[in-house]
């Protein structure tokens, strides 16, 4: 796994406490932990990324049956 930082940016939702994720947009959306860049990445298609971020921004009470 490369530590190439070109194209990666820190999420605007990351706090100043060092618990950050980096995101890189391309043919896939890639996500990794800034504290463990060699530790792996998550990859999402555009459709998966939109569903994932929509889920994160949905209030828990909206998901109740």
C-alpha atoms as a PDB file:
ATOM      1  CA  UNK A   1       0.000   0.000   0.000  1.00  0.00           C
ATOM      2  CA  UNK A   2       1.531   3.307  -1.062  1.00  0.00           C
ATOM      3  CA  UNK A   3       1.705   6.335   1.224  1.00  0.00           C
ATOM      4  CA  UNK A   4       1.374   8.620  -1.816  1.00  0.00           C
ATOM      5  CA  UNK A   5      -0.558  11.643  -0.507  1.00  0.00           C
ATOM      6  CA  UNK A   6      -1.455  13.225  -3.879  1.00  0.00           C
ATOM      7  CA  UNK A   7      -5.194  13.611  -4.212  1.00  0.00           C
ATOM      8  CA  UNK A   8      -5.924  12.654  -0.610  1.00  0.00           C
ATOM      9  CA  UNK A   9      -7.574  15.188   1.690  1.00  0.00           C
ATOM     10  CA  UNK A  10      -8.633  15.141   5.321  1.00  0.00           C
ATOM     11  CA  UNK A  11     -12.360  15.014   5.860  1.00  0.00           C
ATOM     12  CA  UNK A  12     -13.891  18.332   6.912  1.00  0.00           C
ATOM     13  CA  UNK A  13     -15.769  16.354   9.590  1.00  0.00           C
ATOM     14  CA  UNK A  14     -12.527  15.236  11.250  1.00  0.00           C
ATOM     15  CA  UNK A  15     -11.796  16.950  14.534  1.00  0.00           C
ATOM     16  CA  UNK A  16      -8.556  18.455  15.749  1.00  0.00           C
ATOM     17  CA  UNK A  17      -7.960  15.534  18.115  1.00  0.00           C
ATOM     18  CA  UNK A  18      -6.058  13.531  15.505  1.00  0.00           C
ATOM     19  CA  UNK A  19      -8.852  11.049  14.787  1.00  0.00           C
ATOM     20  CA  UNK A  20      -9.016  11.748  11.073  1.00  0.00           C
ATOM     21  CA  UNK A  21      -9.845   9.978   7.876  1.00  0.00           C
ATOM     22  CA  UNK A  22      -8.545  10.893   4.445  1.00  0.00           C
ATOM     23  CA  UNK A  23     -10.599  10.622   1.284  1.00  0.00           C
ATOM     24  CA  UNK A  24      -9.515  10.371  -2.348  1.00  0.00           C
ATOM     25  CA  UNK A  25     -11.906  10.658  -5.274  1.00  0.00           C
ATOM     26  CA  UNK A  26     -11.200   8.908  -8.559  1.00  0.00           C
ATOM     27  CA  UNK A  27     -12.806   5.983 -10.362  1.00  0.00           C
ATOM     28  CA  UNK A  28     -13.547   4.829  -6.807  1.00  0.00           C
ATOM     29  CA  UNK A  29     -13.830   6.739  -3.549  1.00  0.00           C
ATOM     30  CA  UNK A  30     -11.072   5.600  -1.209  1.00  0.00           C
ATOM     31  CA  UNK A  31     -10.944   6.177   2.556  1.00  0.00           C
ATOM     32  CA  UNK A  32      -8.098   5.562   5.007  1.00  0.00           C
ATOM     33  CA  UNK A  33      -7.062   6.367   8.570  1.00  0.00           C
ATOM     34  CA  UNK A  34      -4.458   9.150   8.860  1.00  0.00           C
ATOM     35  CA  UNK A  35      -2.859   7.370  11.830  1.00  0.00           C
ATOM     36  CA  UNK A  36      -2.388   4.128   9.892  1.00  0.00           C
ATOM     37  CA  UNK A  37      -2.044   4.882   6.179  1.00  0.00           C
ATOM     38  CA  UNK A  38      -0.282   1.579   5.389  1.00  0.00           C
ATOM     39  CA  UNK A  39      -3.029  -0.308   7.258  1.00  0.00           C
ATOM     40  CA  UNK A  40      -5.430  -0.425   4.346  1.00  0.00           C
ATOM     41  CA  UNK A  41      -8.226   1.459   2.681  1.00  0.00           C
ATOM     42  CA  UNK A  42     -11.927   1.159   2.103  1.00  0.00           C
ATOM     43  CA  UNK A  43     -13.037   1.540  -1.515  1.00  0.00           C
ATOM     44  CA  UNK A  44     -16.521   2.538  -2.613  1.00  0.00           C
ATOM     45  CA  UNK A  45     -18.160   2.921  -6.004  1.00  0.00           C
ATOM     46  CA  UNK A  46     -19.882   6.260  -6.515  1.00  0.00           C
ATOM     47  CA  UNK A  47     -23.257   4.682  -5.769  1.00  0.00           C
ATOM     48  CA  UNK A  48     -21.958   2.976  -2.617  1.00  0.00           C
ATOM     49  CA  UNK A  49     -20.352   6.222  -1.421  1.00  0.00           C
ATOM     50  CA  UNK A  50     -23.583   8.190  -1.847  1.00  0.00           C
ATOM     51  CA  UNK A  51     -25.526   5.509   0.061  1.00  0.00           C
ATOM     52  CA  UNK A  52     -22.871   5.373   2.797  1.00  0.00           C
ATOM     53  CA  UNK A  53     -22.752   9.140   3.336  1.00  0.00           C
ATOM     54  CA  UNK A  54     -26.566   9.398   3.186  1.00  0.00           C
ATOM     55  CA  UNK A  55     -26.773   6.772   5.936  1.00  0.00           C
ATOM     56  CA  UNK A  56     -24.260   8.687   8.065  1.00  0.00           C
ATOM     57  CA  UNK A  57     -26.303  11.866   7.837  1.00  0.00           C
ATOM     58  CA  UNK A  58     -29.678  10.208   8.528  1.00  0.00           C
ATOM     59  CA  UNK A  59     -30.900  10.788  12.096  1.00  0.00           C
ATOM     60  CA  UNK A  60     -31.274   7.461  13.966  1.00  0.00           C
ATOM     61  CA  UNK A  61     -34.970   8.093  14.651  1.00  0.00           C
ATOM     62  CA  UNK A  62     -35.608   8.303  10.889  1.00  0.00           C
ATOM     63  CA  UNK A  63     -34.531   4.656  10.535  1.00  0.00           C
ATOM     64  CA  UNK A  64     -37.083   3.264  12.998  1.00  0.00           C
ATOM     65  CA  UNK A  65     -39.830   1.059  11.490  1.00  0.00           C
END
